[in-house]
Amino acid sequence: MTLSLKQQMFAVNVAKLILRINEAGYSCTLGEAWRTPEMAEIYAKRGTGIKRSLHCDRLAIDLNLFKDGVYLPQSEAHKPFGEFWCSLNAMNRWGGDFTKPDGNHYSMSDDGVRG
C-alpha cells in the first residue's frame, strides 16, 4: 500500500472519529497533525516524542478533547474514542495504549510501534 493511500484512509478515519466525538456530546480541536523531521528530532532529544514519528508521514494527529467547554487532557477521557479509533482499521493505534500513555494521539501504522 502506498503512503498516499494510507494518508487518504487515515484522513477518512479522522473524519469519522471527529464525528463520533461530536455525536457523543464532546467537541475537539485539532492539535499537531504534521511534524517536520527537524521538529521530531527536537522532541526526541527533549524526551517528548520520537525521531521517526508518524506525524512526519501525516499518519498521526493529536486531538484536544472538550466536554461542556472544559478541556480534558487525561488519557482516560479519550478511552471510548481510542477504542472506536482502533475499531475503524486494523492499522489504527491509540496513544492511550502506549507504554507511556498519550491519550490524545491517534495514528495509523502497520507495525504498531511508532507513534
PDB file of N, CA and C in Angstrom:
ATOM      1  N   MET A   1       0.846  -1.175   0.000  1.00  0.00           N
ATOM      2  CA  MET A   1       0.000   0.000   0.000  1.00  0.00           C
ATOM      3  C   MET A   1       0.898   1.247   0.000  1.00  0.00           C
ATOM      4  N   THR A   2       0.567   2.205  -0.838  1.00  0.00           N
ATOM      5  CA  THR A   2       1.390   3.408  -0.923  1.00  0.00           C
ATOM      6  C   THR A   2       1.127   4.323   0.279  1.00  0.00           C
ATOM      7  N   LEU A   3       2.093   5.193   0.549  1.00  0.00           N
ATOM      8  CA  LEU A   3       1.930   6.170   1.622  1.00  0.00           C
ATOM      9  C   LEU A   3       0.723   7.064   1.344  1.00  0.00           C
ATOM     10  N   SER A   4       0.550   7.474   0.107  1.00  0.00           N
ATOM     11  CA  SER A   4      -0.583   8.334  -0.247  1.00  0.00           C
ATOM     12  C   SER A   4      -1.914   7.665   0.067  1.00  0.00           C
ATOM     13  N   LEU A   5      -2.053   6.396  -0.245  1.00  0.00           N
ATOM     14  CA  LEU A   5      -3.299   5.678   0.042  1.00  0.00           C
ATOM     15  C   LEU A   5      -3.530   5.579   1.551  1.00  0.00           C
ATOM     16  N   LYS A   6      -2.471   5.296   2.302  1.00  0.00           N
ATOM     17  CA  LYS A   6      -2.612   5.247   3.762  1.00  0.00           C
ATOM     18  C   LYS A   6      -3.032   6.604   4.312  1.00  0.00           C
ATOM     19  N   GLN A   7      -2.449   7.685   3.782  1.00  0.00           N
ATOM     20  CA  GLN A   7      -2.812   9.026   4.240  1.00  0.00           C
ATOM     21  C   GLN A   7      -4.278   9.321   3.954  1.00  0.00           C
ATOM     22  N   GLN A   8      -4.763   8.870   2.808  1.00  0.00           N
ATOM     23  CA  GLN A   8      -6.166   9.081   2.458  1.00  0.00           C
ATOM     24  C   GLN A   8      -7.082   8.303   3.402  1.00  0.00           C
ATOM     25  N   MET A   9      -6.739   7.055   3.673  1.00  0.00           N
ATOM     26  CA  MET A   9      -7.517   6.245   4.613  1.00  0.00           C
ATOM     27  C   MET A   9      -7.496   6.875   6.000  1.00  0.00           C
ATOM     28  N   PHE A  10      -6.329   7.337   6.420  1.00  0.00           N
ATOM     29  CA  PHE A  10      -6.176   7.974   7.721  1.00  0.00           C
ATOM     30  C   PHE A  10      -7.095   9.199   7.822  1.00  0.00           C
ATOM     31  N   ALA A  11      -7.105  10.039   6.782  1.00  0.00           N
ATOM     32  CA  ALA A  11      -7.935  11.245   6.789  1.00  0.00           C
ATOM     33  C   ALA A  11      -9.419  10.905   6.936  1.00  0.00           C
ATOM     34  N   VAL A  12      -9.882   9.892   6.248  1.00  0.00           N
ATOM     35  CA  VAL A  12     -11.287   9.482   6.351  1.00  0.00           C
ATOM     36  C   VAL A  12     -11.572   8.981   7.766  1.00  0.00           C
ATOM     37  N   ASN A  13     -10.645   8.211   8.334  1.00  0.00           N
ATOM     38  CA  ASN A  13     -10.838   7.725   9.696  1.00  0.00           C
ATOM     39  C   ASN A  13     -10.865   8.863  10.711  1.00  0.00           C
ATOM     40  N   VAL A  14     -10.033   9.879  10.515  1.00  0.00           N
ATOM     41  CA  VAL A  14     -10.041  11.041  11.412  1.00  0.00           C
ATOM     42  C   VAL A  14     -11.402  11.740  11.333  1.00  0.00           C
ATOM     43  N   ALA A  15     -11.938  11.872  10.120  1.00  0.00           N
ATOM     44  CA  ALA A  15     -13.258  12.489   9.967  1.00  0.00           C
ATOM     45  C   ALA A  15     -14.312  11.690  10.738  1.00  0.00           C
ATOM     46  N   LYS A  16     -14.286  10.376  10.629  1.00  0.00           N
ATOM     47  CA  LYS A  16     -15.240   9.528  11.364  1.00  0.00           C
ATOM     48  C   LYS A  16     -15.070   9.687  12.865  1.00  0.00           C
ATOM     49  N   LEU A  17     -13.815   9.782  13.323  1.00  0.00           N
ATOM     50  CA  LEU A  17     -13.545   9.947  14.751  1.00  0.00           C
ATOM     51  C   LEU A  17     -14.097  11.275  15.261  1.00  0.00           C
ATOM     52  N   ILE A  18     -13.864  12.339  14.528  1.00  0.00           N
ATOM     53  CA  ILE A  18     -14.360  13.647  14.954  1.00  0.00           C
ATOM     54  C   ILE A  18     -15.887  13.656  14.999  1.00  0.00           C
ATOM     55  N   LEU A  19     -16.521  13.033  14.023  1.00  0.00           N
ATOM     56  CA  LEU A  19     -17.984  12.931  14.054  1.00  0.00           C
ATOM     57  C   LEU A  19     -18.453  12.136  15.270  1.00  0.00           C
ATOM     58  N   ARG A  20     -17.773  11.047  15.589  1.00  0.00           N
ATOM     59  CA  ARG A  20     -18.137  10.233  16.766  1.00  0.00           C
ATOM     60  C   ARG A  20     -17.989  11.054  18.046  1.00  0.00           C
ATOM     61  N   ILE A  21     -16.911  11.801  18.145  1.00  0.00           N
ATOM     62  CA  ILE A  21     -16.694  12.658  19.317  1.00  0.00           C
ATOM     63  C   ILE A  21     -17.861  13.628  19.472  1.00  0.00           C
ATOM     64  N   ASN A  22     -18.253  14.260  18.390  1.00  0.00           N
ATOM     65  CA  ASN A  22     -19.364  15.217  18.441  1.00  0.00           C
ATOM     66  C   ASN A  22     -20.698  14.541  18.735  1.00  0.00           C
ATOM     67  N   GLU A  23     -20.934  13.382  18.160  1.00  0.00           N
ATOM     68  CA  GLU A  23     -22.178  12.639  18.416  1.00  0.00           C
ATOM     69  C   GLU A  23     -22.297  12.241  19.879  1.00  0.00           C
ATOM     70  N   ALA A  24     -21.167  12.051  20.546  1.00  0.00           N
ATOM     71  CA  ALA A  24     -21.165  11.646  21.959  1.00  0.00           C
ATOM     72  C   ALA A  24     -21.304  12.846  22.897  1.00  0.00           C
ATOM     73  N   GLY A  25     -21.450  14.037  22.340  1.00  0.00           N
ATOM     74  CA  GLY A  25     -21.642  15.218  23.164  1.00  0.00           C
ATOM     75  C   GLY A  25     -20.360  15.907  23.587  1.00  0.00           C
ATOM     76  N   TYR A  26     -19.273  15.531  22.971  1.00  0.00           N
ATOM     77  CA  TYR A  26     -17.976  16.169  23.221  1.00  0.00           C
ATOM     78  C   TYR A  26     -17.645  17.036  22.014  1.00  0.00           C
ATOM     79  N   SER A  27     -16.574  17.789  22.139  1.00  0.00           N
ATOM     80  CA  SER A  27     -16.042  18.523  20.987  1.00  0.00           C
ATOM     81  C   SER A  27     -14.531  18.378  21.012  1.00  0.00           C
ATOM     82  N   CYS A  28     -13.906  18.760  19.917  1.00  0.00           N
ATOM     83  CA  CYS A  28     -12.450  18.677  19.866  1.00  0.00           C
ATOM     84  C   CYS A  28     -11.901  19.773  18.978  1.00  0.00           C
ATOM     85  N   THR A  29     -10.643  20.052  19.198  1.00  0.00           N
ATOM     86  CA  THR A  29      -9.898  20.923  18.304  1.00  0.00           C
ATOM     87  C   THR A  29      -8.700  20.124  17.815  1.00  0.00           C
ATOM     88  N   LEU A  30      -8.161  20.564  16.686  1.00  0.00           N
ATOM     89  CA  LEU A  30      -7.035  19.850  16.104  1.00  0.00           C
ATOM     90  C   LEU A  30      -5.736  20.276  16.771  1.00  0.00           C
ATOM     91  N   GLY A  31      -4.967  19.300  17.176  1.00  0.00           N
ATOM     92  CA  GLY A  31      -3.624  19.538  17.664  1.00  0.00           C
ATOM     93  C   GLY A  31      -2.658  19.301  16.521  1.00  0.00           C
ATOM     94  N   GLU A  32      -1.503  18.814  16.844  1.00  0.00           N
ATOM     95  CA  GLU A  32      -0.481  18.610  15.818  1.00  0.00           C
ATOM     96  C   GLU A  32      -0.840  17.432  14.916  1.00  0.00           C
ATOM     97  N   ALA A  33      -0.904  17.725  13.613  1.00  0.00           N
ATOM     98  CA  ALA A  33      -1.176  16.682  12.635  1.00  0.00           C
ATOM     99  C   ALA A  33       0.032  16.420  11.754  1.00  0.00           C
ATOM    100  N   TRP A  34       0.831  17.433  11.510  1.00  0.00           N
ATOM    101  CA  TRP A  34       2.045  17.245  10.713  1.00  0.00           C
ATOM    102  C   TRP A  34       3.215  17.807  11.483  1.00  0.00           C
ATOM    103  N   ARG A  35       4.287  17.066  11.476  1.00  0.00           N
ATOM    104  CA  ARG A  35       5.504  17.451  12.196  1.00  0.00           C
ATOM    105  C   ARG A  35       6.676  17.323  11.235  1.00  0.00           C
ATOM    106  N   THR A  36       7.491  18.352  11.177  1.00  0.00           N
ATOM    107  CA  THR A  36       8.679  18.268  10.331  1.00  0.00           C
ATOM    108  C   THR A  36       9.674  17.291  10.957  1.00  0.00           C
ATOM    109  N   PRO A  37      10.514  16.675  10.157  1.00  0.00           N
ATOM    110  CA  PRO A  37      11.553  15.794  10.721  1.00  0.00           C
ATOM    111  C   PRO A  37      12.456  16.540  11.709  1.00  0.00           C
ATOM    112  N   GLU A  38      12.697  17.811  11.448  1.00  0.00           N
ATOM    113  CA  GLU A  38      13.529  18.598  12.360  1.00  0.00           C
ATOM    114  C   GLU A  38      12.858  18.755  13.726  1.00  0.00           C
ATOM    115  N   MET A  39      11.558  19.013  13.710  1.00  0.00           N
ATOM    116  CA  MET A  39      10.833  19.142  14.979  1.00  0.00           C
ATOM    117  C   MET A  39      10.763  17.793  15.696  1.00  0.00           C
ATOM    118  N   ALA A  40      10.594  16.720  14.946  1.00  0.00           N
ATOM    119  CA  ALA A  40      10.570  15.384  15.556  1.00  0.00           C
ATOM    120  C   ALA A  40      11.892  15.100  16.265  1.00  0.00           C
ATOM    121  N   GLU A  41      12.981  15.523  15.653  1.00  0.00           N
ATOM    122  CA  GLU A  41      14.292  15.318  16.272  1.00  0.00           C
ATOM    123  C   GLU A  41      14.430  16.146  17.552  1.00  0.00           C
ATOM    124  N   ILE A  42      13.932  17.365  17.534  1.00  0.00           N
ATOM    125  CA  ILE A  42      13.959  18.208  18.735  1.00  0.00           C
ATOM    126  C   ILE A  42      13.142  17.560  19.845  1.00  0.00           C
ATOM    127  N   TYR A  43      11.934  17.099  19.518  1.00  0.00           N
ATOM    128  CA  TYR A  43      11.081  16.439  20.521  1.00  0.00           C
ATOM    129  C   TYR A  43      11.753  15.184  21.076  1.00  0.00           C
ATOM    130  N   ALA A  44      12.399  14.422  20.196  1.00  0.00           N
ATOM    131  CA  ALA A  44      13.081  13.205  20.639  1.00  0.00           C
ATOM    132  C   ALA A  44      14.193  13.543  21.628  1.00  0.00           C
ATOM    133  N   LYS A  45      14.947  14.582  21.351  1.00  0.00           N
ATOM    134  CA  LYS A  45      16.025  14.991  22.268  1.00  0.00           C
ATOM    135  C   LYS A  45      15.472  15.455  23.603  1.00  0.00           C
ATOM    136  N   ARG A  46      14.292  16.072  23.600  1.00  0.00           N
ATOM    137  CA  ARG A  46      13.633  16.525  24.839  1.00  0.00           C
ATOM    138  C   ARG A  46      12.986  15.363  25.598  1.00  0.00           C
ATOM    139  N   GLY A  47      12.787  14.244  24.911  1.00  0.00           N
ATOM    140  CA  GLY A  47      12.091  13.122  25.527  1.00  0.00           C
ATOM    141  C   GLY A  47      10.582  13.242  25.455  1.00  0.00           C
ATOM    142  N   THR A  48      10.090  14.126  24.584  1.00  0.00           N
ATOM    143  CA  THR A  48       8.643  14.320  24.459  1.00  0.00           C
ATOM    144  C   THR A  48       8.089  13.766  23.148  1.00  0.00           C
ATOM    145  N   GLY A  49       8.893  13.028  22.417  1.00  0.00           N
ATOM    146  CA  GLY A  49       8.467  12.442  21.148  1.00  0.00           C
ATOM    147  C   GLY A  49       9.528  11.494  20.642  1.00  0.00           C
ATOM    148  N   ILE A  50       9.323  11.008  19.435  1.00  0.00           N
ATOM    149  CA  ILE A  50      10.290  10.099  18.832  1.00  0.00           C
ATOM    150  C   ILE A  50      10.724  10.646  17.482  1.00  0.00           C
ATOM    151  N   LYS A  51      11.931  10.295  17.089  1.00  0.00           N
ATOM    152  CA  LYS A  51      12.512  10.839  15.860  1.00  0.00           C
ATOM    153  C   LYS A  51      11.739  10.418  14.613  1.00  0.00           C
ATOM    154  N   ARG A  52      11.290   9.167  14.568  1.00  0.00           N
ATOM    155  CA  ARG A  52      10.581   8.661  13.386  1.00  0.00           C
ATOM    156  C   ARG A  52       9.061   8.681  13.627  1.00  0.00           C
ATOM    157  N   SER A  53       8.569   9.832  14.017  1.00  0.00           N
ATOM    158  CA  SER A  53       7.151   9.988  14.330  1.00  0.00           C
ATOM    159  C   SER A  53       6.276   9.828  13.089  1.00  0.00           C
ATOM    160  N   LEU A  54       5.126   9.214  13.280  1.00  0.00           N
ATOM    161  CA  LEU A  54       4.157   9.098  12.196  1.00  0.00           C
ATOM    162  C   LEU A  54       3.548  10.450  11.835  1.00  0.00           C
ATOM    163  N   HIS A  55       3.686  11.434  12.708  1.00  0.00           N
ATOM    164  CA  HIS A  55       3.265  12.792  12.359  1.00  0.00           C
ATOM    165  C   HIS A  55       4.039  13.270  11.122  1.00  0.00           C
ATOM    166  N   CYS A  56       5.301  12.857  11.005  1.00  0.00           N
ATOM    167  CA  CYS A  56       6.135  13.264   9.856  1.00  0.00           C
ATOM    168  C   CYS A  56       5.604  12.671   8.548  1.00  0.00           C
ATOM    169  N   ASP A  57       4.917  11.553   8.640  1.00  0.00           N
ATOM    170  CA  ASP A  57       4.332  10.901   7.464  1.00  0.00           C
ATOM    171  C   ASP A  57       2.872  11.288   7.237  1.00  0.00           C
ATOM    172  N   ARG A  58       2.379  12.211   8.045  1.00  0.00           N
ATOM    173  CA  ARG A  58       0.973  12.630   8.010  1.00  0.00           C
ATOM    174  C   ARG A  58       0.034  11.453   8.293  1.00  0.00           C
ATOM    175  N   LEU A  59       0.475  10.614   9.235  1.00  0.00           N
ATOM    176  CA  LEU A  59      -0.325   9.459   9.649  1.00  0.00           C
ATOM    177  C   LEU A  59      -0.610   9.481  11.147  1.00  0.00           C
ATOM    178  N   ALA A  60      -0.563  10.666  11.748  1.00  0.00           N
ATOM    179  CA  ALA A  60      -0.876  10.811  13.169  1.00  0.00           C
ATOM    180  C   ALA A  60      -1.456  12.192  13.407  1.00  0.00           C
ATOM    181  N   ILE A  61      -2.329  12.271  14.400  1.00  0.00           N
ATOM    182  CA  ILE A  61      -2.919  13.549  14.791  1.00  0.00           C
ATOM    183  C   ILE A  61      -3.147  13.535  16.296  1.00  0.00           C
ATOM    184  N   ASP A  62      -2.996  14.699  16.904  1.00  0.00           N
ATOM    185  CA  ASP A  62      -3.346  14.878  18.305  1.00  0.00           C
ATOM    186  C   ASP A  62      -4.635  15.694  18.335  1.00  0.00           C
ATOM    187  N   LEU A  63      -5.615  15.232  19.095  1.00  0.00           N
ATOM    188  CA  LEU A  63      -6.880  15.941  19.223  1.00  0.00           C
ATOM    189  C   LEU A  63      -7.045  16.431  20.651  1.00  0.00           C
ATOM    190  N   ASN A  64      -7.482  17.669  20.790  1.00  0.00           N
ATOM    191  CA  ASN A  64      -7.764  18.255  22.099  1.00  0.00           C
ATOM    192  C   ASN A  64      -9.243  18.053  22.381  1.00  0.00           C
ATOM    193  N   LEU A  65      -9.555  17.323  23.444  1.00  0.00           N
ATOM    194  CA  LEU A  65     -10.923  16.913  23.754  1.00  0.00           C
ATOM    195  C   LEU A  65     -11.558  17.853  24.785  1.00  0.00           C
ATOM    196  N   PHE A  66     -12.837  18.178  24.554  1.00  0.00           N
ATOM    197  CA  PHE A  66     -13.581  19.066  25.449  1.00  0.00           C
ATOM    198  C   PHE A  66     -14.956  18.470  25.740  1.00  0.00           C
ATOM    199  N   LYS A  67     -15.449  18.745  26.949  1.00  0.00           N
ATOM    200  CA  LYS A  67     -16.820  18.394  27.316  1.00  0.00           C
ATOM    201  C   LYS A  67     -17.404  19.611  28.011  1.00  0.00           C
ATOM    202  N   ASP A  68     -18.486  20.127  27.466  1.00  0.00           N
ATOM    203  CA  ASP A  68     -19.119  21.332  28.010  1.00  0.00           C
ATOM    204  C   ASP A  68     -18.120  22.472  28.161  1.00  0.00           C
ATOM    205  N   GLY A  69     -17.238  22.610  27.201  1.00  0.00           N
ATOM    206  CA  GLY A  69     -16.265  23.687  27.199  1.00  0.00           C
ATOM    207  C   GLY A  69     -15.050  23.468  28.073  1.00  0.00           C
ATOM    208  N   VAL A  70     -14.988  22.337  28.764  1.00  0.00           N
ATOM    209  CA  VAL A  70     -13.870  22.038  29.662  1.00  0.00           C
ATOM    210  C   VAL A  70     -12.883  21.122  28.940  1.00  0.00           C
ATOM    211  N   TYR A  71     -11.630  21.538  28.915  1.00  0.00           N
ATOM    212  CA  TYR A  71     -10.569  20.744  28.283  1.00  0.00           C
ATOM    213  C   TYR A  71     -10.296  19.498  29.103  1.00  0.00           C
ATOM    214  N   LEU A  72     -10.216  18.348  28.434  1.00  0.00           N
ATOM    215  CA  LEU A  72     -10.000  17.053  29.092  1.00  0.00           C
ATOM    216  C   LEU A  72      -8.670  16.458  28.610  1.00  0.00           C
ATOM    217  N   PRO A  73      -7.566  16.788  29.273  1.00  0.00           N
ATOM    218  CA  PRO A  73      -6.264  16.313  28.809  1.00  0.00           C
ATOM    219  C   PRO A  73      -5.940  14.867  29.206  1.00  0.00           C
ATOM    220  N   GLN A  74      -6.704  14.277  30.108  1.00  0.00           N
ATOM    221  CA  GLN A  74      -6.400  12.941  30.599  1.00  0.00           C
ATOM    222  C   GLN A  74      -6.647  11.867  29.531  1.00  0.00           C
ATOM    223  N   SER A  75      -5.741  10.920  29.475  1.00  0.00           N
ATOM    224  CA  SER A  75      -5.890   9.810  28.522  1.00  0.00           C
ATOM    225  C   SER A  75      -7.210   9.090  28.726  1.00  0.00           C
ATOM    226  N   GLU A  76      -7.625   8.928  29.969  1.00  0.00           N
ATOM    227  CA  GLU A  76      -8.856   8.193  30.275  1.00  0.00           C
ATOM    228  C   GLU A  76     -10.076   8.821  29.589  1.00  0.00           C
ATOM    229  N   ALA A  77     -10.091  10.141  29.462  1.00  0.00           N
ATOM    230  CA  ALA A  77     -11.221  10.814  28.808  1.00  0.00           C
ATOM    231  C   ALA A  77     -11.327  10.421  27.332  1.00  0.00           C
ATOM    232  N   HIS A  78     -10.205  10.084  26.725  1.00  0.00           N
ATOM    233  CA  HIS A  78     -10.167   9.712  25.310  1.00  0.00           C
ATOM    234  C   HIS A  78     -10.475   8.221  25.081  1.00  0.00           C
ATOM    235  N   LYS A  79     -10.527   7.447  26.149  1.00  0.00           N
ATOM    236  CA  LYS A  79     -10.610   5.985  26.006  1.00  0.00           C
ATOM    237  C   LYS A  79     -11.730   5.506  25.080  1.00  0.00           C
ATOM    238  N   PRO A  80     -12.981   5.968  25.240  1.00  0.00           N
ATOM    239  CA  PRO A  80     -14.015   5.450  24.321  1.00  0.00           C
ATOM    240  C   PRO A  80     -13.730   5.801  22.862  1.00  0.00           C
ATOM    241  N   PHE A  81     -13.076   6.929  22.642  1.00  0.00           N
ATOM    242  CA  PHE A  81     -12.756   7.345  21.280  1.00  0.00           C
ATOM    243  C   PHE A  81     -11.533   6.591  20.763  1.00  0.00           C
ATOM    244  N   GLY A  82     -10.617   6.262  21.654  1.00  0.00           N
ATOM    245  CA  GLY A  82      -9.476   5.428  21.278  1.00  0.00           C
ATOM    246  C   GLY A  82      -9.930   4.040  20.855  1.00  0.00           C
ATOM    247  N   GLU A  83     -10.899   3.488  21.594  1.00  0.00           N
ATOM    248  CA  GLU A  83     -11.439   2.175  21.239  1.00  0.00           C
ATOM    249  C   GLU A  83     -12.151   2.236  19.892  1.00  0.00           C
ATOM    250  N   PHE A  84     -12.927   3.288  19.678  1.00  0.00           N
ATOM    251  CA  PHE A  84     -13.609   3.460  18.397  1.00  0.00           C
ATOM    252  C   PHE A  84     -12.583   3.593  17.269  1.00  0.00           C
ATOM    253  N   TRP A  85     -11.561   4.404  17.501  1.00  0.00           N
ATOM    254  CA  TRP A  85     -10.499   4.619  16.509  1.00  0.00           C
ATOM    255  C   TRP A  85      -9.893   3.286  16.088  1.00  0.00           C
ATOM    256  N   CYS A  86      -9.538   2.465  17.047  1.00  0.00           N
ATOM    257  CA  CYS A  86      -8.901   1.185  16.737  1.00  0.00           C
ATOM    258  C   CYS A  86      -9.850   0.237  16.006  1.00  0.00           C
ATOM    259  N   SER A  87     -11.150   0.399  16.214  1.00  0.00           N
ATOM    260  CA  SER A  87     -12.128  -0.461  15.533  1.00  0.00           C
ATOM    261  C   SER A  87     -12.288  -0.105  14.056  1.00  0.00           C
ATOM    262  N   LEU A  88     -11.856   1.083  13.672  1.00  0.00           N
ATOM    263  CA  LEU A  88     -12.050   1.525  12.290  1.00  0.00           C
ATOM    264  C   LEU A  88     -11.121   0.848  11.294  1.00  0.00           C
ATOM    265  N   ASN A  89      -9.919   0.482  11.749  1.00  0.00           N
ATOM    266  CA  ASN A  89      -8.934  -0.109  10.846  1.00  0.00           C
ATOM    267  C   ASN A  89      -7.900  -0.850  11.681  1.00  0.00           C
ATOM    268  N   ALA A  90      -7.483  -2.006  11.240  1.00  0.00           N
ATOM    269  CA  ALA A  90      -6.502  -2.804  11.984  1.00  0.00           C
ATOM    270  C   ALA A  90      -5.159  -2.099  12.130  1.00  0.00           C
ATOM    271  N   MET A  91      -4.890  -1.114  11.291  1.00  0.00           N
ATOM    272  CA  MET A  91      -3.620  -0.381  11.386  1.00  0.00           C
ATOM    273  C   MET A  91      -3.703   0.824  12.326  1.00  0.00           C
ATOM    274  N   ASN A  92      -4.900   1.141  12.812  1.00  0.00           N
ATOM    275  CA  ASN A  92      -5.042   2.297  13.690  1.00  0.00           C
ATOM    276  C   ASN A  92      -4.515   1.994  15.078  1.00  0.00           C
ATOM    277  N   ARG A  93      -3.819   2.983  15.662  1.00  0.00           N
ATOM    278  CA  ARG A  93      -3.254   2.878  17.005  1.00  0.00           C
ATOM    279  C   ARG A  93      -3.694   4.088  17.813  1.00  0.00           C
ATOM    280  N   TRP A  94      -3.987   3.844  19.098  1.00  0.00           N
ATOM    281  CA  TRP A  94      -4.365   4.919  20.005  1.00  0.00           C
ATOM    282  C   TRP A  94      -3.269   5.098  21.044  1.00  0.00           C
ATOM    283  N   GLY A  95      -2.866   6.331  21.268  1.00  0.00           N
ATOM    284  CA  GLY A  95      -1.785   6.627  22.188  1.00  0.00           C
ATOM    285  C   GLY A  95      -2.046   6.230  23.627  1.00  0.00           C
ATOM    286  N   GLY A  96      -3.287   6.075  24.011  1.00  0.00           N
ATOM    287  CA  GLY A  96      -3.602   5.630  25.374  1.00  0.00           C
ATOM    288  C   GLY A  96      -3.148   4.212  25.647  1.00  0.00           C
ATOM    289  N   ASP A  97      -2.877   3.449  24.595  1.00  0.00           N
ATOM    290  CA  ASP A  97      -2.398   2.068  24.739  1.00  0.00           C
ATOM    291  C   ASP A  97      -0.873   1.992  24.760  1.00  0.00           C
ATOM    292  N   PHE A  98      -0.187   3.120  24.577  1.00  0.00           N
ATOM    293  CA  PHE A  98       1.269   3.118  24.556  1.00  0.00           C
ATOM    294  C   PHE A  98       1.822   2.892  25.964  1.00  0.00           C
ATOM    295  N   THR A  99       3.066   2.441  26.040  1.00  0.00           N
ATOM    296  CA  THR A  99       3.740   2.244  27.322  1.00  0.00           C
ATOM    297  C   THR A  99       3.724   3.537  28.133  1.00  0.00           C
ATOM    298  N   LYS A 100       4.005   4.637  27.476  1.00  0.00           N
ATOM    299  CA  LYS A 100       3.880   5.968  28.074  1.00  0.00           C
ATOM    300  C   LYS A 100       2.615   6.576  27.467  1.00  0.00           C
ATOM    301  N   PRO A 101       1.448   6.443  28.146  1.00  0.00           N
ATOM    302  CA  PRO A 101       0.174   6.850  27.545  1.00  0.00           C
ATOM    303  C   PRO A 101       0.168   8.285  27.020  1.00  0.00           C
ATOM    304  N   ASP A 102      -0.436   8.419  25.856  1.00  0.00           N
ATOM    305  CA  ASP A 102      -0.561   9.697  25.149  1.00  0.00           C
ATOM    306  C   ASP A 102      -1.963   9.704  24.545  1.00  0.00           C
ATOM    307  N   GLY A 103      -2.969   9.851  25.411  1.00  0.00           N
ATOM    308  CA  GLY A 103      -4.358   9.620  25.043  1.00  0.00           C
ATOM    309  C   GLY A 103      -4.919  10.466  23.929  1.00  0.00           C
ATOM    310  N   ASN A 104      -4.346  11.638  23.667  1.00  0.00           N
ATOM    311  CA  ASN A 104      -4.900  12.478  22.612  1.00  0.00           C
ATOM    312  C   ASN A 104      -4.289  12.168  21.243  1.00  0.00           C
ATOM    313  N   HIS A 105      -3.481  11.119  21.172  1.00  0.00           N
ATOM    314  CA  HIS A 105      -2.760  10.746  19.952  1.00  0.00           C
ATOM    315  C   HIS A 105      -3.482   9.596  19.232  1.00  0.00           C
ATOM    316  N   TYR A 106      -3.732   9.805  17.946  1.00  0.00           N
ATOM    317  CA  TYR A 106      -4.383   8.819  17.090  1.00  0.00           C
ATOM    318  C   TYR A 106      -3.505   8.658  15.851  1.00  0.00           C
ATOM    319  N   SER A 107      -3.149   7.415  15.513  1.00  0.00           N
ATOM    320  CA  SER A 107      -2.240   7.215  14.383  1.00  0.00           C
ATOM    321  C   SER A 107      -2.590   5.957  13.609  1.00  0.00           C
ATOM    322  N   MET A 108      -1.919   5.805  12.475  1.00  0.00           N
ATOM    323  CA  MET A 108      -2.094   4.625  11.625  1.00  0.00           C
ATOM    324  C   MET A 108      -0.721   4.069  11.318  1.00  0.00           C
ATOM    325  N   SER A 109      -0.510   2.818  11.706  1.00  0.00           N
ATOM    326  CA  SER A 109       0.784   2.165  11.499  1.00  0.00           C
ATOM    327  C   SER A 109       0.555   0.689  11.296  1.00  0.00           C
ATOM    328  N   ASP A 110       1.257   0.107  10.335  1.00  0.00           N
ATOM    329  CA  ASP A 110       1.092  -1.330  10.144  1.00  0.00           C
ATOM    330  C   ASP A 110       1.962  -2.148  11.089  1.00  0.00           C
ATOM    331  N   ASP A 111       2.869  -1.470  11.832  1.00  0.00           N
ATOM    332  CA  ASP A 111       3.727  -2.192  12.783  1.00  0.00           C
ATOM    333  C   ASP A 111       3.336  -1.945  14.229  1.00  0.00           C
ATOM    334  N   GLY A 112       2.568  -0.905  14.500  1.00  0.00           N
ATOM    335  CA  GLY A 112       2.105  -0.612  15.842  1.00  0.00           C
ATOM    336  C   GLY A 112       3.165  -0.080  16.781  1.00  0.00           C
ATOM    337  N   VAL A 113       4.357   0.194  16.276  1.00  0.00           N
ATOM    338  CA  VAL A 113       5.453   0.598  17.144  1.00  0.00           C
ATOM    339  C   VAL A 113       5.560   2.118  17.230  1.00  0.00           C
ATOM    340  N   ARG A 114       5.606   2.782  16.106  1.00  0.00           N
ATOM    341  CA  ARG A 114       5.803   4.231  16.104  1.00  0.00           C
ATOM    342  C   ARG A 114       4.534   4.966  16.487  1.00  0.00           C
ATOM    343  N   GLY A 115       4.717   6.117  17.089  1.00  0.00           N
ATOM    344  CA  GLY A 115       3.588   6.931  17.496  1.00  0.00           C
ATOM    345  C   GLY A 115       3.402   8.144  16.645  1.00  0.00           C
TER     346      GLY A 115
END
